[in-house]
PDB file of N, CA and C in Angstrom:
ATOM      1  N   MET A   1      11.853 -20.389   3.594  1.00  0.00           N
ATOM      2  CA  MET A   1      11.419 -19.047   4.119  1.00  0.00           C
ATOM      3  C   MET A   1      12.373 -18.505   5.214  1.00  0.00           C
ATOM      4  N   ARG A   2      12.771 -19.336   6.015  1.00  0.00           N
ATOM      5  CA  ARG A   2      13.747 -18.841   7.040  1.00  0.00           C
ATOM      6  C   ARG A   2      15.056 -18.393   6.397  1.00  0.00           C
ATOM      7  N   LEU A   3      15.504 -19.164   5.322  1.00  0.00           N
ATOM      8  CA  LEU A   3      16.760 -18.620   4.676  1.00  0.00           C
ATOM      9  C   LEU A   3      16.438 -17.219   4.083  1.00  0.00           C
ATOM     10  N   PHE A   4      15.394 -17.116   3.485  1.00  0.00           N
ATOM     11  CA  PHE A   4      15.040 -15.726   2.833  1.00  0.00           C
ATOM     12  C   PHE A   4      14.911 -14.588   3.982  1.00  0.00           C
ATOM     13  N   LEU A   5      14.519 -15.046   5.185  1.00  0.00           N
ATOM     14  CA  LEU A   5      14.388 -14.048   6.306  1.00  0.00           C
ATOM     15  C   LEU A   5      15.809 -13.591   6.587  1.00  0.00           C
ATOM     16  N   ARG A   6      16.753 -14.659   6.713  1.00  0.00           N
ATOM     17  CA  ARG A   6      18.124 -14.304   7.109  1.00  0.00           C
ATOM     18  C   ARG A   6      18.750 -13.491   5.942  1.00  0.00           C
ATOM     19  N   GLN A   7      18.663 -13.913   4.691  1.00  0.00           N
ATOM     20  CA  GLN A   7      19.325 -13.188   3.652  1.00  0.00           C
ATOM     21  C   GLN A   7      18.829 -11.789   3.585  1.00  0.00           C
ATOM     22  N   SER A   8      17.492 -11.635   3.621  1.00  0.00           N
ATOM     23  CA  SER A   8      17.023 -10.174   3.451  1.00  0.00           C
ATOM     24  C   SER A   8      17.336  -9.284   4.604  1.00  0.00           C
ATOM     25  N   ALA A   9      17.439  -9.908   5.738  1.00  0.00           N
ATOM     26  CA  ALA A   9      17.837  -9.091   6.943  1.00  0.00           C
ATOM     27  C   ALA A   9      19.254  -8.599   6.748  1.00  0.00           C
ATOM     28  N   ALA A  10      20.192  -9.553   6.323  1.00  0.00           N
ATOM     29  CA  ALA A  10      21.519  -9.345   6.158  1.00  0.00           C
ATOM     30  C   ALA A  10      21.817  -8.245   5.069  1.00  0.00           C
ATOM     31  N   ILE A  11      21.079  -8.439   3.968  1.00  0.00           N
ATOM     32  CA  ILE A  11      21.254  -7.501   2.857  1.00  0.00           C
ATOM     33  C   ILE A  11      20.748  -6.158   3.251  1.00  0.00           C
ATOM     34  N   ALA A  12      19.645  -6.013   4.045  1.00  0.00           N
ATOM     35  CA  ALA A  12      19.083  -4.717   4.507  1.00  0.00           C
ATOM     36  C   ALA A  12      20.134  -4.159   5.422  1.00  0.00           C
ATOM     37  N   ARG A  13      20.725  -4.806   6.323  1.00  0.00           N
ATOM     38  CA  ARG A  13      21.808  -4.176   7.154  1.00  0.00           C
ATOM     39  C   ARG A  13      22.904  -3.621   6.254  1.00  0.00           C
ATOM     40  N   THR A  14      23.316  -4.487   5.309  1.00  0.00           N
ATOM     41  CA  THR A  14      24.327  -4.091   4.462  1.00  0.00           C
ATOM     42  C   THR A  14      24.200  -2.785   3.628  1.00  0.00           C
ATOM     43  N   VAL A  15      22.998  -2.806   2.870  1.00  0.00           N
ATOM     44  CA  VAL A  15      22.810  -1.649   2.102  1.00  0.00           C
ATOM     45  C   VAL A  15      22.457  -0.427   2.841  1.00  0.00           C
ATOM     46  N   ARG A  16      21.976  -0.479   4.091  1.00  0.00           N
ATOM     47  CA  ARG A  16      21.709   0.698   4.861  1.00  0.00           C
ATOM     48  C   ARG A  16      23.084   1.433   5.101  1.00  0.00           C
ATOM     49  N   GLY A  17      24.159   0.718   5.174  1.00  0.00           N
ATOM     50  CA  GLY A  17      25.458   1.307   5.497  1.00  0.00           C
ATOM     51  C   GLY A  17      26.208   1.633   4.193  1.00  0.00           C
ATOM     52  N   GLN A  18      25.724   1.262   3.076  1.00  0.00           N
ATOM     53  CA  GLN A  18      26.636   1.302   1.812  1.00  0.00           C
ATOM     54  C   GLN A  18      26.352   2.722   1.067  1.00  0.00           C
ATOM     55  N   ALA A  19      27.452   3.418   1.002  1.00  0.00           N
ATOM     56  CA  ALA A  19      27.365   4.736   0.106  1.00  0.00           C
ATOM     57  C   ALA A  19      27.692   4.381  -1.306  1.00  0.00           C
ATOM     58  N   ASP A  20      28.357   3.212  -1.499  1.00  0.00           N
ATOM     59  CA  ASP A  20      28.841   2.810  -2.841  1.00  0.00           C
ATOM     60  C   ASP A  20      27.704   2.320  -3.734  1.00  0.00           C
ATOM     61  N   ALA A  21      27.366   2.952  -4.801  1.00  0.00           N
ATOM     62  CA  ALA A  21      26.171   2.675  -5.583  1.00  0.00           C
ATOM     63  C   ALA A  21      26.351   1.270  -6.212  1.00  0.00           C
ATOM     64  N   GLU A  22      27.548   0.904  -6.637  1.00  0.00           N
ATOM     65  CA  GLU A  22      27.851  -0.421  -7.159  1.00  0.00           C
ATOM     66  C   GLU A  22      27.458  -1.602  -6.297  1.00  0.00           C
ATOM     67  N   SER A  23      27.795  -1.341  -5.071  1.00  0.00           N
ATOM     68  CA  SER A  23      27.582  -2.371  -3.884  1.00  0.00           C
ATOM     69  C   SER A  23      26.041  -2.518  -3.714  1.00  0.00           C
ATOM     70  N   ARG A  24      25.415  -1.411  -3.634  1.00  0.00           N
ATOM     71  CA  ARG A  24      23.922  -1.325  -3.538  1.00  0.00           C
ATOM     72  C   ARG A  24      23.345  -2.069  -4.658  1.00  0.00           C
ATOM     73  N   ARG A  25      23.793  -1.814  -5.880  1.00  0.00           N
ATOM     74  CA  ARG A  25      23.283  -2.518  -7.010  1.00  0.00           C
ATOM     75  C   ARG A  25      23.445  -3.976  -7.009  1.00  0.00           C
ATOM     76  N   ARG A  26      24.547  -4.421  -6.626  1.00  0.00           N
ATOM     77  CA  ARG A  26      24.900  -5.944  -6.496  1.00  0.00           C
ATOM     78  C   ARG A  26      23.961  -6.559  -5.507  1.00  0.00           C
ATOM     79  N   ASN A  27      23.847  -5.933  -4.373  1.00  0.00           N
ATOM     80  CA  ASN A  27      23.035  -6.483  -3.211  1.00  0.00           C
ATOM     81  C   ASN A  27      21.435  -6.455  -3.665  1.00  0.00           C
ATOM     82  N   ALA A  28      21.096  -5.447  -4.254  1.00  0.00           N
ATOM     83  CA  ALA A  28      19.723  -5.385  -4.697  1.00  0.00           C
ATOM     84  C   ALA A  28      19.424  -6.553  -5.650  1.00  0.00           C
ATOM     85  N   HIS A  29      20.420  -6.727  -6.593  1.00  0.00           N
ATOM     86  CA  HIS A  29      20.288  -7.816  -7.595  1.00  0.00           C
ATOM     87  C   HIS A  29      20.160  -9.265  -6.877  1.00  0.00           C
ATOM     88  N   THR A  30      21.013  -9.461  -5.873  1.00  0.00           N
ATOM     89  CA  THR A  30      21.074 -10.643  -5.166  1.00  0.00           C
ATOM     90  C   THR A  30      19.604 -10.829  -4.410  1.00  0.00           C
ATOM     91  N   LEU A  31      19.121  -9.675  -3.825  1.00  0.00           N
ATOM     92  CA  LEU A  31      17.830  -9.805  -3.042  1.00  0.00           C
ATOM     93  C   LEU A  31      16.748 -10.057  -4.120  1.00  0.00           C
ATOM     94  N   LYS A  32      16.736  -9.442  -5.207  1.00  0.00           N
ATOM     95  CA  LYS A  32      15.730  -9.636  -6.231  1.00  0.00           C
ATOM     96  C   LYS A  32      15.548 -10.957  -6.585  1.00  0.00           C
ATOM     97  N   GLY A  33      16.661 -11.752  -6.833  1.00  0.00           N
ATOM     98  CA  GLY A  33      16.499 -13.155  -7.107  1.00  0.00           C
ATOM     99  C   GLY A  33      15.998 -14.045  -5.904  1.00  0.00           C
ATOM    100  N   ALA A  34      16.420 -13.723  -4.725  1.00  0.00           N
ATOM    101  CA  ALA A  34      15.911 -14.328  -3.525  1.00  0.00           C
ATOM    102  C   ALA A  34      14.448 -14.184  -3.396  1.00  0.00           C
ATOM    103  N   ALA A  35      13.983 -13.036  -3.451  1.00  0.00           N
ATOM    104  CA  ALA A  35      12.726 -12.633  -3.355  1.00  0.00           C
ATOM    105  C   ALA A  35      11.751 -13.296  -4.372  1.00  0.00           C
ATOM    106  N   ARG A  36      12.238 -13.305  -5.607  1.00  0.00           N
ATOM    107  CA  ARG A  36      11.467 -14.041  -6.610  1.00  0.00           C
ATOM    108  C   ARG A  36      11.395 -15.558  -6.379  1.00  0.00           C
ATOM    109  N   ALA A  37      12.399 -16.038  -5.833  1.00  0.00           N
ATOM    110  CA  ALA A  37      12.399 -17.534  -5.511  1.00  0.00           C
ATOM    111  C   ALA A  37      11.258 -17.942  -4.491  1.00  0.00           C
ATOM    112  N   VAL A  38      11.071 -17.043  -3.561  1.00  0.00           N
ATOM    113  CA  VAL A  38      10.074 -17.405  -2.522  1.00  0.00           C
ATOM    114  C   VAL A  38       8.676 -16.586  -2.708  1.00  0.00           C
ATOM    115  N   GLY A  39       8.579 -15.909  -3.846  1.00  0.00           N
ATOM    116  CA  GLY A  39       7.283 -15.296  -4.293  1.00  0.00           C
ATOM    117  C   GLY A  39       7.085 -13.956  -3.553  1.00  0.00           C
ATOM    118  N   ALA A  40       8.152 -13.319  -3.146  1.00  0.00           N
ATOM    119  CA  ALA A  40       8.003 -11.952  -2.513  1.00  0.00           C
ATOM    120  C   ALA A  40       8.085 -10.948  -3.577  1.00  0.00           C
ATOM    121  N   ARG A  41       6.916 -10.732  -4.406  1.00  0.00           N
ATOM    122  CA  ARG A  41       6.996  -9.955  -5.491  1.00  0.00           C
ATOM    123  C   ARG A  41       7.332  -8.472  -5.226  1.00  0.00           C
ATOM    124  N   LYS A  42       6.724  -8.013  -4.184  1.00  0.00           N
ATOM    125  CA  LYS A  42       6.950  -6.519  -3.903  1.00  0.00           C
ATOM    126  C   LYS A  42       8.481  -6.191  -3.497  1.00  0.00           C
ATOM    127  N   VAL A  43       8.992  -7.174  -2.674  1.00  0.00           N
ATOM    128  CA  VAL A  43      10.368  -7.038  -2.456  1.00  0.00           C
ATOM    129  C   VAL A  43      11.240  -7.063  -3.665  1.00  0.00           C
ATOM    130  N   ALA A  44      10.906  -8.036  -4.628  1.00  0.00           N
ATOM    131  CA  ALA A  44      11.671  -8.085  -5.852  1.00  0.00           C
ATOM    132  C   ALA A  44      11.490  -6.825  -6.769  1.00  0.00           C
ATOM    133  N   GLU A  45      10.352  -6.270  -6.746  1.00  0.00           N
ATOM    134  CA  GLU A  45      10.042  -5.028  -7.452  1.00  0.00           C
ATOM    135  C   GLU A  45      10.863  -3.842  -6.935  1.00  0.00           C
ATOM    136  N   ARG A  46      10.879  -3.850  -5.578  1.00  0.00           N
ATOM    137  CA  ARG A  46      11.662  -2.715  -4.990  1.00  0.00           C
ATOM    138  C   ARG A  46      13.091  -2.936  -5.129  1.00  0.00           C
ATOM    139  N   ALA A  47      13.500  -4.106  -5.041  1.00  0.00           N
ATOM    140  CA  ALA A  47      14.976  -4.397  -5.212  1.00  0.00           C
ATOM    141  C   ALA A  47      15.421  -4.101  -6.623  1.00  0.00           C
ATOM    142  N   SER A  48      14.543  -4.392  -7.692  1.00  0.00           N
ATOM    143  CA  SER A  48      14.760  -4.117  -9.008  1.00  0.00           C
ATOM    144  C   SER A  48      14.921  -2.634  -9.215  1.00  0.00           C
ATOM    145  N   ALA A  49      14.186  -1.745  -8.571  1.00  0.00           N
ATOM    146  CA  ALA A  49      14.159  -0.372  -8.722  1.00  0.00           C
ATOM    147  C   ALA A  49      15.437   0.100  -8.184  1.00  0.00           C
ATOM    148  N   LEU A  50      15.820  -0.330  -6.994  1.00  0.00           N
ATOM    149  CA  LEU A  50      17.118  -0.006  -6.440  1.00  0.00           C
ATOM    150  C   LEU A  50      18.410  -0.428  -7.335  1.00  0.00           C
ATOM    151  N   GLU A  51      18.180  -1.656  -7.886  1.00  0.00           N
ATOM    152  CA  GLU A  51      19.233  -2.067  -8.908  1.00  0.00           C
ATOM    153  C   GLU A  51      19.460  -1.154 -10.002  1.00  0.00           C
ATOM    154  N   HIS A  52      18.381  -0.572 -10.544  1.00  0.00           N
ATOM    155  CA  HIS A  52      18.395   0.285 -11.677  1.00  0.00           C
ATOM    156  C   HIS A  52      18.730   1.728 -11.257  1.00  0.00           C
ATOM    157  N   ALA A  53      18.536   2.114  -9.872  1.00  0.00           N
ATOM    158  CA  ALA A  53      18.804   3.474  -9.545  1.00  0.00           C
ATOM    159  C   ALA A  53      19.396   3.476  -8.068  1.00  0.00           C
ATOM    160  N   PRO A  54      20.719   2.898  -8.073  1.00  0.00           N
ATOM    161  CA  PRO A  54      21.192   2.694  -6.717  1.00  0.00           C
ATOM    162  C   PRO A  54      21.600   4.048  -6.071  1.00  0.00           C
ATOM    163  N   HIS A  55      21.618   5.000  -6.762  1.00  0.00           N
ATOM    164  CA  HIS A  55      21.822   6.440  -5.944  1.00  0.00           C
ATOM    165  C   HIS A  55      20.557   6.980  -5.366  1.00  0.00           C
ATOM    166  N   GLU A  56      19.417   6.507  -5.749  1.00  0.00           N
ATOM    167  CA  GLU A  56      18.121   7.028  -5.278  1.00  0.00           C
ATOM    168  C   GLU A  56      17.895   6.648  -3.866  1.00  0.00           C
ATOM    169  N   THR A  57      17.829   7.598  -3.021  1.00  0.00           N
ATOM    170  CA  THR A  57      17.580   7.225  -1.526  1.00  0.00           C
ATOM    171  C   THR A  57      16.075   6.904  -1.408  1.00  0.00           C
ATOM    172  N   ARG A  58      15.249   7.378  -2.277  1.00  0.00           N
ATOM    173  CA  ARG A  58      13.891   7.041  -2.225  1.00  0.00           C
ATOM    174  C   ARG A  58      13.565   5.465  -2.597  1.00  0.00           C
ATOM    175  N   ALA A  59      14.320   5.050  -3.544  1.00  0.00           N
ATOM    176  CA  ALA A  59      14.337   3.560  -3.838  1.00  0.00           C
ATOM    177  C   ALA A  59      14.809   2.736  -2.702  1.00  0.00           C
ATOM    178  N   LEU A  60      15.887   3.211  -1.967  1.00  0.00           N
ATOM    179  CA  LEU A  60      16.452   2.448  -0.961  1.00  0.00           C
ATOM    180  C   LEU A  60      15.407   2.413   0.219  1.00  0.00           C
ATOM    181  N   ARG A  61      14.892   3.450   0.523  1.00  0.00           N
ATOM    182  CA  ARG A  61      13.864   3.512   1.703  1.00  0.00           C
ATOM    183  C   ARG A  61      12.687   2.575   1.412  1.00  0.00           C
ATOM    184  N   ALA A  62      12.232   2.690   0.197  1.00  0.00           N
ATOM    185  CA  ALA A  62      11.041   1.822  -0.235  1.00  0.00           C
ATOM    186  C   ALA A  62      11.395   0.368  -0.153  1.00  0.00           C
ATOM    187  N   LEU A  63      12.517  -0.054  -0.497  1.00  0.00           N
ATOM    188  CA  LEU A  63      12.998  -1.484  -0.423  1.00  0.00           C
ATOM    189  C   LEU A  63      13.119  -1.780   0.907  1.00  0.00           C
ATOM    190  N   LEU A  64      13.767  -1.001   1.850  1.00  0.00           N
ATOM    191  CA  LEU A  64      13.886  -1.361   3.336  1.00  0.00           C
ATOM    192  C   LEU A  64      12.473  -1.436   3.884  1.00  0.00           C
ATOM    193  N   ARG A  65      11.585  -0.661   3.668  1.00  0.00           N
ATOM    194  CA  ARG A  65      10.208  -0.719   4.233  1.00  0.00           C
ATOM    195  C   ARG A  65       9.592  -2.009   3.813  1.00  0.00           C
ATOM    196  N   GLU A  66       9.627  -2.333   2.486  1.00  0.00           N
ATOM    197  CA  GLU A  66       9.084  -3.605   2.032  1.00  0.00           C
ATOM    198  C   GLU A  66       9.747  -4.793   2.648  1.00  0.00           C
ATOM    199  N   ILE A  67      11.059  -4.821   2.761  1.00  0.00           N
ATOM    200  CA  ILE A  67      11.702  -5.948   3.473  1.00  0.00           C
ATOM    201  C   ILE A  67      11.125  -6.099   4.883  1.00  0.00           C
ATOM    202  N   ASP A  68      10.941  -5.087   5.599  1.00  0.00           N
ATOM    203  CA  ASP A  68      10.415  -5.058   6.952  1.00  0.00           C
ATOM    204  C   ASP A  68       9.102  -5.610   6.945  1.00  0.00           C
ATOM    205  N   ARG A  69       8.201  -5.130   6.142  1.00  0.00           N
ATOM    206  CA  ARG A  69       6.831  -5.661   5.951  1.00  0.00           C
ATOM    207  C   ARG A  69       6.733  -7.140   5.697  1.00  0.00           C
ATOM    208  N   THR A  70       7.529  -7.461   4.787  1.00  0.00           N
ATOM    209  CA  THR A  70       7.471  -8.985   4.242  1.00  0.00           C
ATOM    210  C   THR A  70       8.024  -9.817   5.363  1.00  0.00           C
ATOM    211  N   CYS A  71       9.170  -9.341   5.954  1.00  0.00           N
ATOM    212  CA  CYS A  71       9.625 -10.240   6.965  1.00  0.00           C
ATOM    213  C   CYS A  71       8.710 -10.335   8.260  1.00  0.00           C
ATOM    214  N   ASP A  72       8.138  -9.213   8.610  1.00  0.00           N
ATOM    215  CA  ASP A  72       6.980  -9.266   9.598  1.00  0.00           C
ATOM    216  C   ASP A  72       5.916 -10.382   9.293  1.00  0.00           C
ATOM    217  N   TYR A  73       5.494 -10.199   8.010  1.00  0.00           N
ATOM    218  CA  TYR A  73       4.455 -11.151   7.629  1.00  0.00           C
ATOM    219  C   TYR A  73       4.873 -12.664   7.595  1.00  0.00           C
ATOM    220  N   ILE A  74       5.995 -12.791   7.066  1.00  0.00           N
ATOM    221  CA  ILE A  74       6.490 -14.328   7.098  1.00  0.00           C
ATOM    222  C   ILE A  74       6.739 -14.754   8.552  1.00  0.00           C
ATOM    223  N   ASN A  75       7.328 -13.922   9.394  1.00  0.00           N
ATOM    224  CA  ASN A  75       7.455 -14.318  10.751  1.00  0.00           C
ATOM    225  C   ASN A  75       6.141 -14.604  11.492  1.00  0.00           C
ATOM    226  N   SER A  76       5.136 -13.851  11.179  1.00  0.00           N
ATOM    227  CA  SER A  76       3.782 -14.123  11.586  1.00  0.00           C
ATOM    228  C   SER A  76       3.268 -15.469  11.231  1.00  0.00           C
ATOM    229  N   LEU A  77       3.602 -15.879  10.017  1.00  0.00           N
ATOM    230  CA  LEU A  77       3.103 -17.204   9.539  1.00  0.00           C
ATOM    231  C   LEU A  77       3.860 -18.365  10.098  1.00  0.00           C
ATOM    232  N   LEU A  78       5.190 -18.115  10.410  1.00  0.00           N
ATOM    233  CA  LEU A  78       6.084 -19.147  10.962  1.00  0.00           C
ATOM    234  C   LEU A  78       5.843 -19.352  12.513  1.00  0.00           C
ATOM    235  N   ARG A  79       5.197 -18.574  13.212  1.00  0.00           N
ATOM    236  CA  ARG A  79       4.863 -18.647  14.689  1.00  0.00           C
ATOM    237  C   ARG A  79       4.018 -19.875  14.942  1.00  0.00           C
TER     238      ARG A  79
END
């Protein structure tokens, strides 16, 4: 879980600053796999949406919100 927290935070920081759709797509794909591995279904769904529509700012915002929610939840469990 801690690895997922680090990975998702790093990817969130990266995609926030990326204007390049291909880089967003690759990072979304990576995050989708990591999220599935730990059972973070909603993050995986949002990552998949961004992977398929990397130009969509709505998909990006939805993914970033879900990452924040999921990471907050995981952190509360690890305390």
